[in-house]
Amino acid sequence: MAILLVNDDGIYAQGLSTLAKKLREKYEVIIVAPDREQSAVGHSITLADPLRIYEVEQNGNFFGYAVSGTPADCVKLAIRVILKHQPDLLISGINQGANVGASLIYSGTVSAATEGTMLLIPSIAVSLDTHRSDADYSTAVEITSRIAEKVLKYGLPGGIFLNVNVPNLTMENIKGFNITRQATTYFDDFFERRIDPQGRTYYWMSGTMVEVDRGEDSDLMALRHRYVSITPIRYDLTAKDKIPTIENWFKE
C-alpha cells in the first residue's frame, strides 16, 4: 500500500514528519510538500511562475520532495510527474490548527485533499486543534493511522474526502469519534494599518471566527466536547435543491 503525504505547513513541519515516521512502519510513504509554509492559500495553483522540485534529506536519508508551489500544485506534480503509480491513499497534514467551519474554504490542507479526490485518490485532511509550536502530535498520529486503515479497507464514495480534526488531548482524554457536518461560521476580519521604515503604509490582517450556530452535530462542537470530528466533504459546490427556485425566475 502506498500513501502520498502532503501538507500546507511546509515539508519541514513537525506534523508531517511525525506522521510519516509512524506510517512508514507499515506502508510505502511518498512525501510531496511545499518548500515553505502555504497556509490559507486555498485551492490556488501556480500558473505564472515555474514550479521546481527538490529532494530533501532528513538525518542523512532521503525524506521527500519539496515543491516551490501550493498544496494543490504538490498533488498535481506528485501524480503527473513524480509517482509511477497512483497511490492508494492521500493524507494531507497533520496541520497545525483546526480546520472547521468557514476555514475549510481557505485551507491549503483541505485543498490538497480536494485535489486528491478530484484525481480519484481516496483522501483525508487532518488537523490538530492547537497552534502551539511545541505541540504533541502523537495522539493525532495514532488517530490518523486508524482512520487511514479504515479508508484503505472500505474506500470512500466518489467525490468525497474526509476532513478530520483532532482535539489537542492525550488519547485517554478523547471521548471518541463523531461524524459531523461543517459548522456555519464566518471571519470577522480587521486590518491593522502600519508604516514601514521607508514611510510606506501597509496592512496586517487579523480577525476572529464568529459562530453562527452551535449545533451539536458540527465539527466545531465535536472538538469542544473532546471528540475527533470526521466530516465527509464533497467538492461539488452545486446547491442542487435550489435549482428549481432559480429555474422559476426564467419562466416568468
C-alpha atoms as a PDB file:
ATOM      1  CA  MET A   1       0.000   0.000   0.000  1.00  0.00           C
ATOM      2  CA  ALA A   2       1.343   3.418  -0.984  1.00  0.00           C
ATOM      3  CA  ILE A   3       0.358   6.646   0.799  1.00  0.00           C
ATOM      4  CA  LEU A   4       1.032  10.132  -0.554  1.00  0.00           C
ATOM      5  CA  LEU A   5       1.630  12.707   2.202  1.00  0.00           C
ATOM      6  CA  VAL A   6       1.063  16.407   1.525  1.00  0.00           C
ATOM      7  CA  ASN A   7       0.556  19.450   3.755  1.00  0.00           C
ATOM      8  CA  ASP A   8       0.373  23.233   3.746  1.00  0.00           C
ATOM      9  CA  ASP A   9       2.723  23.901   6.691  1.00  0.00           C
ATOM     10  CA  GLY A  10       5.747  23.022   4.547  1.00  0.00           C
ATOM     11  CA  ILE A  11       7.953  19.970   4.182  1.00  0.00           C
ATOM     12  CA  TYR A  12       9.854  20.721   7.415  1.00  0.00           C
ATOM     13  CA  ALA A  13       6.701  20.790   9.587  1.00  0.00           C
ATOM     14  CA  GLN A  14       6.641  18.554  12.639  1.00  0.00           C
ATOM     15  CA  GLY A  15       3.145  17.241  11.961  1.00  0.00           C
ATOM     16  CA  LEU A  16       4.258  15.896   8.578  1.00  0.00           C
ATOM     17  CA  SER A  17       7.471  14.239   9.756  1.00  0.00           C
ATOM     18  CA  THR A  18       5.845  12.679  12.836  1.00  0.00           C
ATOM     19  CA  LEU A  19       3.046  11.182  10.760  1.00  0.00           C
ATOM     20  CA  ALA A  20       5.477   9.931   8.109  1.00  0.00           C
ATOM     21  CA  LYS A  21       7.560   8.120  10.723  1.00  0.00           C
ATOM     22  CA  LYS A  22       4.504   6.257  12.025  1.00  0.00           C
ATOM     23  CA  LEU A  23       3.077   5.352   8.623  1.00  0.00           C
ATOM     24  CA  ARG A  24       6.431   4.115   7.295  1.00  0.00           C
ATOM     25  CA  GLU A  25       6.283   1.299   9.837  1.00  0.00           C
ATOM     26  CA  LYS A  26       3.520  -0.275   7.733  1.00  0.00           C
ATOM     27  CA  TYR A  27       3.202   1.467   4.354  1.00  0.00           C
ATOM     28  CA  GLU A  28       5.213   2.862   1.481  1.00  0.00           C
ATOM     29  CA  VAL A  29       5.125   6.630   2.072  1.00  0.00           C
ATOM     30  CA  ILE A  30       5.883   9.309  -0.511  1.00  0.00           C
ATOM     31  CA  ILE A  31       6.118  12.910   0.681  1.00  0.00           C
ATOM     32  CA  VAL A  32       5.496  15.797  -1.722  1.00  0.00           C
ATOM     33  CA  ALA A  33       5.046  19.063   0.178  1.00  0.00           C
ATOM     34  CA  PRO A  34       5.570  22.812  -0.274  1.00  0.00           C
ATOM     35  CA  ASP A  35       9.111  24.071   0.288  1.00  0.00           C
ATOM     36  CA  ARG A  36       7.710  26.723   2.662  1.00  0.00           C
ATOM     37  CA  GLU A  37       4.544  27.387   4.625  1.00  0.00           C
ATOM     38  CA  GLN A  38       1.480  27.754   2.399  1.00  0.00           C
ATOM     39  CA  SER A  39      -1.264  28.110   4.987  1.00  0.00           C
ATOM     40  CA  ALA A  40      -4.579  29.650   3.869  1.00  0.00           C
ATOM     41  CA  VAL A  41      -3.723  29.578   0.158  1.00  0.00           C
ATOM     42  CA  GLY A  42      -6.941  27.674  -0.533  1.00  0.00           C
ATOM     43  CA  HIS A  43      -7.055  25.732  -3.794  1.00  0.00           C
ATOM     44  CA  SER A  44      -4.740  28.067  -5.680  1.00  0.00           C
ATOM     45  CA  ILE A  45      -2.409  26.665  -8.331  1.00  0.00           C
ATOM     46  CA  THR A  46       0.688  28.201  -9.889  1.00  0.00           C
ATOM     47  CA  LEU A  47       0.277  29.432 -13.465  1.00  0.00           C
ATOM     48  CA  ALA A  48       2.542  32.479 -13.863  1.00  0.00           C
ATOM     49  CA  ASP A  49       5.756  31.076 -12.337  1.00  0.00           C
ATOM     50  CA  PRO A  50       7.816  27.929 -12.925  1.00  0.00           C
ATOM     51  CA  LEU A  51       7.459  25.048 -10.487  1.00  0.00           C
ATOM     52  CA  ARG A  52      10.594  23.412  -9.118  1.00  0.00           C
ATOM     53  CA  ILE A  53      11.033  20.101  -7.312  1.00  0.00           C
ATOM     54  CA  TYR A  54      13.841  19.492  -4.805  1.00  0.00           C
ATOM     55  CA  GLU A  55      14.852  16.315  -2.993  1.00  0.00           C
ATOM     56  CA  VAL A  56      15.006  16.794   0.775  1.00  0.00           C
ATOM     57  CA  GLU A  57      17.049  14.728   3.237  1.00  0.00           C
ATOM     58  CA  GLN A  58      16.434  14.185   6.931  1.00  0.00           C
ATOM     59  CA  ASN A  59      19.194  12.786   9.145  1.00  0.00           C
ATOM     60  CA  GLY A  60      21.216  11.945   6.049  1.00  0.00           C
ATOM     61  CA  ASN A  61      18.404   9.940   4.426  1.00  0.00           C
ATOM     62  CA  PHE A  62      16.007  10.825   1.620  1.00  0.00           C
ATOM     63  CA  PHE A  63      12.830  12.243   3.175  1.00  0.00           C
ATOM     64  CA  GLY A  64      10.678  13.571   0.351  1.00  0.00           C
ATOM     65  CA  TYR A  65      10.168  16.091  -2.417  1.00  0.00           C
ATOM     66  CA  ALA A  66       9.804  19.828  -1.791  1.00  0.00           C
ATOM     67  CA  VAL A  67       7.830  21.847  -4.339  1.00  0.00           C
ATOM     68  CA  SER A  68       8.036  25.592  -4.940  1.00  0.00           C
ATOM     69  CA  GLY A  69       4.259  25.858  -5.083  1.00  0.00           C
ATOM     70  CA  THR A  70       0.957  25.354  -3.321  1.00  0.00           C
ATOM     71  CA  PRO A  71      -0.511  22.194  -1.764  1.00  0.00           C
ATOM     72  CA  ALA A  72      -2.682  21.659  -4.859  1.00  0.00           C
ATOM     73  CA  ASP A  73       0.455  22.024  -7.029  1.00  0.00           C
ATOM     74  CA  CYS A  74       2.129  19.357  -4.903  1.00  0.00           C
ATOM     75  CA  VAL A  75      -0.669  16.863  -5.513  1.00  0.00           C
ATOM     76  CA  LYS A  76      -0.722  17.541  -9.255  1.00  0.00           C
ATOM     77  CA  LEU A  77       3.054  17.164  -9.573  1.00  0.00           C
ATOM     78  CA  ALA A  78       3.088  14.044  -7.413  1.00  0.00           C
ATOM     79  CA  ILE A  79       0.520  12.291  -9.594  1.00  0.00           C
ATOM     80  CA  ARG A  80       1.573  13.599 -13.014  1.00  0.00           C
ATOM     81  CA  VAL A  81       5.363  13.790 -12.635  1.00  0.00           C
ATOM     82  CA  ILE A  82       6.893  12.158  -9.548  1.00  0.00           C
ATOM     83  CA  LEU A  83       4.978   8.921  -8.958  1.00  0.00           C
ATOM     84  CA  LYS A  84       4.959   5.999 -11.359  1.00  0.00           C
ATOM     85  CA  HIS A  85       1.718   4.606  -9.950  1.00  0.00           C
ATOM     86  CA  GLN A  86      -1.410   6.111  -8.388  1.00  0.00           C
ATOM     87  CA  PRO A  87      -1.186   5.992  -4.550  1.00  0.00           C
ATOM     88  CA  ASP A  88      -3.769   4.029  -2.587  1.00  0.00           C
ATOM     89  CA  LEU A  89      -4.416   6.951  -0.245  1.00  0.00           C
ATOM     90  CA  LEU A  90      -3.603  10.644   0.113  1.00  0.00           C
ATOM     91  CA  ILE A  91      -3.261  12.230   3.552  1.00  0.00           C
ATOM     92  CA  SER A  92      -2.915  15.997   3.891  1.00  0.00           C
ATOM     93  CA  GLY A  93      -1.473  17.078   7.246  1.00  0.00           C
ATOM     94  CA  ILE A  94      -1.128  16.846  10.099  1.00  0.00           C
ATOM     95  CA  ASN A  95      -1.976  20.547  10.053  1.00  0.00           C
ATOM     96  CA  GLN A  96      -1.188  22.830  12.962  1.00  0.00           C
ATOM     97  CA  GLY A  97      -4.553  24.384  13.867  1.00  0.00           C
ATOM     98  CA  ALA A  98      -8.115  23.146  13.382  1.00  0.00           C
ATOM     99  CA  ASN A  99      -9.886  23.395  10.035  1.00  0.00           C
ATOM    100  CA  VAL A 100     -13.574  23.740  10.882  1.00  0.00           C
ATOM    101  CA  GLY A 101     -16.447  25.875   9.627  1.00  0.00           C
ATOM    102  CA  ALA A 102     -15.525  28.605   7.150  1.00  0.00           C
ATOM    103  CA  SER A 103     -11.803  27.847   7.437  1.00  0.00           C
ATOM    104  CA  LEU A 104     -12.278  24.938   5.013  1.00  0.00           C
ATOM    105  CA  ILE A 105     -12.654  27.473   2.201  1.00  0.00           C
ATOM    106  CA  TYR A 106      -9.214  28.971   2.887  1.00  0.00           C
ATOM    107  CA  SER A 107      -7.313  25.877   3.995  1.00  0.00           C
ATOM    108  CA  GLY A 108      -4.427  24.573   1.920  1.00  0.00           C
ATOM    109  CA  THR A 109      -4.623  21.344   3.927  1.00  0.00           C
ATOM    110  CA  VAL A 110      -8.223  20.756   2.881  1.00  0.00           C
ATOM    111  CA  SER A 111      -7.496  21.810  -0.704  1.00  0.00           C
ATOM    112  CA  ALA A 112      -4.777  19.186  -1.082  1.00  0.00           C
ATOM    113  CA  ALA A 113      -7.321  16.524  -0.114  1.00  0.00           C
ATOM    114  CA  THR A 114      -9.817  18.089  -2.518  1.00  0.00           C
ATOM    115  CA  GLU A 115      -7.278  17.858  -5.352  1.00  0.00           C
ATOM    116  CA  GLY A 116      -6.558  14.245  -4.496  1.00  0.00           C
ATOM    117  CA  THR A 117     -10.275  13.457  -4.625  1.00  0.00           C
ATOM    118  CA  MET A 118     -10.585  15.180  -7.994  1.00  0.00           C
ATOM    119  CA  LEU A 119      -7.797  12.896  -9.229  1.00  0.00           C
ATOM    120  CA  LEU A 120      -9.725   9.843  -7.956  1.00  0.00           C
ATOM    121  CA  ILE A 121      -7.496   9.165  -4.938  1.00  0.00           C
ATOM    122  CA  PRO A 122      -9.160   8.384  -1.575  1.00  0.00           C
ATOM    123  CA  SER A 123      -8.126  11.384   0.513  1.00  0.00           C
ATOM    124  CA  ILE A 124      -8.065  12.601   4.114  1.00  0.00           C
ATOM    125  CA  ALA A 125      -7.270  16.051   5.521  1.00  0.00           C
ATOM    126  CA  VAL A 126      -6.119  16.002   9.159  1.00  0.00           C
ATOM    127  CA  SER A 127      -5.680  18.911  11.580  1.00  0.00           C
ATOM    128  CA  LEU A 128      -4.696  19.180  15.250  1.00  0.00           C
ATOM    129  CA  ASP A 129      -6.578  21.756  17.300  1.00  0.00           C
ATOM    130  CA  THR A 130      -3.602  23.806  18.508  1.00  0.00           C
ATOM    131  CA  HIS A 131      -1.235  26.496  17.251  1.00  0.00           C
ATOM    132  CA  ARG A 132       1.455  25.863  19.883  1.00  0.00           C
ATOM    133  CA  SER A 133       4.930  25.446  18.435  1.00  0.00           C
ATOM    134  CA  ASP A 134       5.651  22.654  20.949  1.00  0.00           C
ATOM    135  CA  ALA A 135       2.512  20.672  20.024  1.00  0.00           C
ATOM    136  CA  ASP A 136       2.459  16.934  20.736  1.00  0.00           C
ATOM    137  CA  TYR A 137       1.267  15.149  17.583  1.00  0.00           C
ATOM    138  CA  SER A 138       1.300  11.618  18.998  1.00  0.00           C
ATOM    139  CA  THR A 139      -2.472  11.388  19.536  1.00  0.00           C
ATOM    140  CA  ALA A 140      -3.259  12.858  16.116  1.00  0.00           C
ATOM    141  CA  VAL A 141      -0.783  10.465  14.501  1.00  0.00           C
ATOM    142  CA  GLU A 142      -2.409   7.445  16.141  1.00  0.00           C
ATOM    143  CA  ILE A 143      -5.901   8.576  15.174  1.00  0.00           C
ATOM    144  CA  THR A 144      -4.822   9.337  11.588  1.00  0.00           C
ATOM    145  CA  SER A 145      -3.317   5.871  11.321  1.00  0.00           C
ATOM    146  CA  ARG A 146      -6.580   4.281  12.472  1.00  0.00           C
ATOM    147  CA  ILE A 147      -8.687   6.298  10.032  1.00  0.00           C
ATOM    148  CA  ALA A 148      -6.256   5.513   7.202  1.00  0.00           C
ATOM    149  CA  GLU A 149      -6.725   1.800   7.884  1.00  0.00           C
ATOM    150  CA  LYS A 150     -10.499   2.181   7.594  1.00  0.00           C
ATOM    151  CA  VAL A 151     -10.286   4.124   4.326  1.00  0.00           C
ATOM    152  CA  LEU A 152      -7.830   1.648   2.823  1.00  0.00           C
ATOM    153  CA  LYS A 153     -10.149  -1.207   3.822  1.00  0.00           C
ATOM    154  CA  TYR A 154     -13.534   0.265   2.832  1.00  0.00           C
ATOM    155  CA  GLY A 155     -12.673   3.047   0.364  1.00  0.00           C
ATOM    156  CA  LEU A 156     -14.619   6.305   0.038  1.00  0.00           C
ATOM    157  CA  PRO A 157     -17.668   7.200  -2.094  1.00  0.00           C
ATOM    158  CA  GLY A 158     -16.843   9.027  -5.321  1.00  0.00           C
ATOM    159  CA  GLY A 159     -16.297  12.754  -4.909  1.00  0.00           C
ATOM    160  CA  ILE A 160     -15.993  12.516  -1.107  1.00  0.00           C
ATOM    161  CA  PHE A 161     -12.996  13.064   1.186  1.00  0.00           C
ATOM    162  CA  LEU A 162     -12.766  13.155   4.987  1.00  0.00           C
ATOM    163  CA  ASN A 163     -11.902  16.300   6.916  1.00  0.00           C
ATOM    164  CA  VAL A 164     -10.587  15.188  10.305  1.00  0.00           C
ATOM    165  CA  ASN A 165      -9.989  17.424  13.331  1.00  0.00           C
ATOM    166  CA  VAL A 166      -8.311  16.072  16.447  1.00  0.00           C
ATOM    167  CA  PRO A 167      -8.561  17.666  19.914  1.00  0.00           C
ATOM    168  CA  ASN A 168      -5.238  18.649  21.451  1.00  0.00           C
ATOM    169  CA  LEU A 169      -5.508  15.976  24.152  1.00  0.00           C
ATOM    170  CA  THR A 170      -3.933  12.692  25.137  1.00  0.00           C
ATOM    171  CA  MET A 171      -5.620   9.600  23.733  1.00  0.00           C
ATOM    172  CA  GLU A 172      -7.223   8.665  27.058  1.00  0.00           C
ATOM    173  CA  ASN A 173      -8.886  12.087  27.296  1.00  0.00           C
ATOM    174  CA  ILE A 174     -10.571  11.880  23.887  1.00  0.00           C
ATOM    175  CA  LYS A 175     -14.182  10.732  24.174  1.00  0.00           C
ATOM    176  CA  GLY A 176     -14.463   9.112  20.752  1.00  0.00           C
ATOM    177  CA  PHE A 177     -15.267   9.804  17.104  1.00  0.00           C
ATOM    178  CA  ASN A 178     -18.148  11.955  15.832  1.00  0.00           C
ATOM    179  CA  ILE A 179     -19.249  12.036  12.195  1.00  0.00           C
ATOM    180  CA  THR A 180     -20.063  15.709  11.787  1.00  0.00           C
ATOM    181  CA  ARG A 181     -21.162  18.474   9.442  1.00  0.00           C
ATOM    182  CA  GLN A 182     -19.265  21.668   8.667  1.00  0.00           C
ATOM    183  CA  ALA A 183     -20.183  24.353  11.190  1.00  0.00           C
ATOM    184  CA  THR A 184     -21.687  27.620   9.960  1.00  0.00           C
ATOM    185  CA  THR A 185     -19.140  30.336  10.747  1.00  0.00           C
ATOM    186  CA  TYR A 186     -17.537  33.415   9.227  1.00  0.00           C
ATOM    187  CA  PHE A 187     -14.460  35.507   9.919  1.00  0.00           C
ATOM    188  CA  ASP A 188     -14.776  38.989  11.396  1.00  0.00           C
ATOM    189  CA  ASP A 189     -11.627  40.457   9.824  1.00  0.00           C
ATOM    190  CA  PHE A 190      -9.830  43.672  10.626  1.00  0.00           C
ATOM    191  CA  PHE A 191      -6.731  45.267   9.120  1.00  0.00           C
ATOM    192  CA  GLU A 192      -4.120  46.958  11.291  1.00  0.00           C
ATOM    193  CA  ARG A 193      -2.562  49.920   9.497  1.00  0.00           C
ATOM    194  CA  ARG A 194       1.220  50.149   9.861  1.00  0.00           C
ATOM    195  CA  ILE A 195       4.104  52.189   8.448  1.00  0.00           C
ATOM    196  CA  ASP A 196       7.296  50.524   7.202  1.00  0.00           C
ATOM    197  CA  PRO A 197      10.816  52.029   7.676  1.00  0.00           C
ATOM    198  CA  GLN A 198      10.514  53.797   4.302  1.00  0.00           C
ATOM    199  CA  GLY A 199       7.336  55.554   5.424  1.00  0.00           C
ATOM    200  CA  ARG A 200       5.032  53.438   3.249  1.00  0.00           C
ATOM    201  CA  THR A 201       1.666  52.244   4.507  1.00  0.00           C
ATOM    202  CA  TYR A 202       0.878  48.555   4.751  1.00  0.00           C
ATOM    203  CA  TYR A 203      -1.815  46.461   6.436  1.00  0.00           C
ATOM    204  CA  TRP A 204      -1.699  43.351   8.610  1.00  0.00           C
ATOM    205  CA  MET A 205      -4.844  41.236   8.586  1.00  0.00           C
ATOM    206  CA  SER A 206      -6.237  39.585  11.677  1.00  0.00           C
ATOM    207  CA  GLY A 207      -9.666  38.582  12.918  1.00  0.00           C
ATOM    208  CA  THR A 208     -11.756  36.070  14.799  1.00  0.00           C
ATOM    209  CA  MET A 209     -14.082  33.258  13.786  1.00  0.00           C
ATOM    210  CA  VAL A 210     -17.728  34.034  14.511  1.00  0.00           C
ATOM    211  CA  GLU A 211     -20.036  31.098  15.245  1.00  0.00           C
ATOM    212  CA  VAL A 212     -23.417  31.398  13.547  1.00  0.00           C
ATOM    213  CA  ASP A 213     -24.759  28.156  15.020  1.00  0.00           C
ATOM    214  CA  ARG A 214     -23.836  25.906  17.917  1.00  0.00           C
ATOM    215  CA  GLY A 215     -25.362  22.681  16.617  1.00  0.00           C
ATOM    216  CA  GLU A 216     -24.090  19.651  18.488  1.00  0.00           C
ATOM    217  CA  ASP A 217     -23.627  17.797  15.178  1.00  0.00           C
ATOM    218  CA  SER A 218     -20.994  20.259  13.878  1.00  0.00           C
ATOM    219  CA  ASP A 219     -17.226  19.829  13.590  1.00  0.00           C
ATOM    220  CA  LEU A 220     -16.653  22.816  15.865  1.00  0.00           C
ATOM    221  CA  MET A 221     -18.788  21.481  18.719  1.00  0.00           C
ATOM    222  CA  ALA A 222     -17.312  17.986  18.431  1.00  0.00           C
ATOM    223  CA  LEU A 223     -13.874  19.449  19.154  1.00  0.00           C
ATOM    224  CA  ARG A 224     -15.294  21.499  22.035  1.00  0.00           C
ATOM    225  CA  HIS A 225     -16.672  18.313  23.596  1.00  0.00           C
ATOM    226  CA  ARG A 226     -13.378  16.400  23.172  1.00  0.00           C
ATOM    227  CA  TYR A 227     -14.402  14.273  20.205  1.00  0.00           C
ATOM    228  CA  VAL A 228     -12.490  13.632  16.992  1.00  0.00           C
ATOM    229  CA  SER A 229     -14.511  15.284  14.228  1.00  0.00           C
ATOM    230  CA  ILE A 230     -14.796  13.419  10.909  1.00  0.00           C
ATOM    231  CA  THR A 231     -16.674  15.380   8.241  1.00  0.00           C
ATOM    232  CA  PRO A 232     -17.402  13.877   4.800  1.00  0.00           C
ATOM    233  CA  ILE A 233     -16.781  16.704   2.309  1.00  0.00           C
ATOM    234  CA  ARG A 234     -17.969  16.897  -1.291  1.00  0.00           C
ATOM    235  CA  TYR A 235     -16.137  19.226  -3.681  1.00  0.00           C
ATOM    236  CA  ASP A 236     -19.209  19.594  -5.903  1.00  0.00           C
ATOM    237  CA  LEU A 237     -20.494  23.014  -4.765  1.00  0.00           C
ATOM    238  CA  THR A 238     -23.812  22.895  -6.621  1.00  0.00           C
ATOM    239  CA  ALA A 239     -26.851  23.744  -4.480  1.00  0.00           C
ATOM    240  CA  LYS A 240     -28.962  21.119  -6.235  1.00  0.00           C
ATOM    241  CA  ASP A 241     -32.027  21.715  -4.068  1.00  0.00           C
ATOM    242  CA  LYS A 242     -32.123  25.358  -5.231  1.00  0.00           C
ATOM    243  CA  ILE A 243     -32.093  24.641  -8.974  1.00  0.00           C
ATOM    244  CA  PRO A 244     -35.939  24.644  -9.286  1.00  0.00           C
ATOM    245  CA  THR A 245     -36.125  28.013  -7.499  1.00  0.00           C
ATOM    246  CA  ILE A 246     -33.686  29.644  -9.918  1.00  0.00           C
ATOM    247  CA  GLU A 247     -35.368  27.950 -12.901  1.00  0.00           C
ATOM    248  CA  ASN A 248     -38.644  29.580 -11.909  1.00  0.00           C
ATOM    249  CA  TRP A 249     -37.077  33.038 -12.275  1.00  0.00           C
ATOM    250  CA  PHE A 250     -36.792  32.454 -16.015  1.00  0.00           C
ATOM    251  CA  LYS A 251     -40.247  31.022 -16.564  1.00  0.00           C
ATOM    252  CA  GLU A 252     -41.979  34.343 -15.892  1.00  0.00           C
END
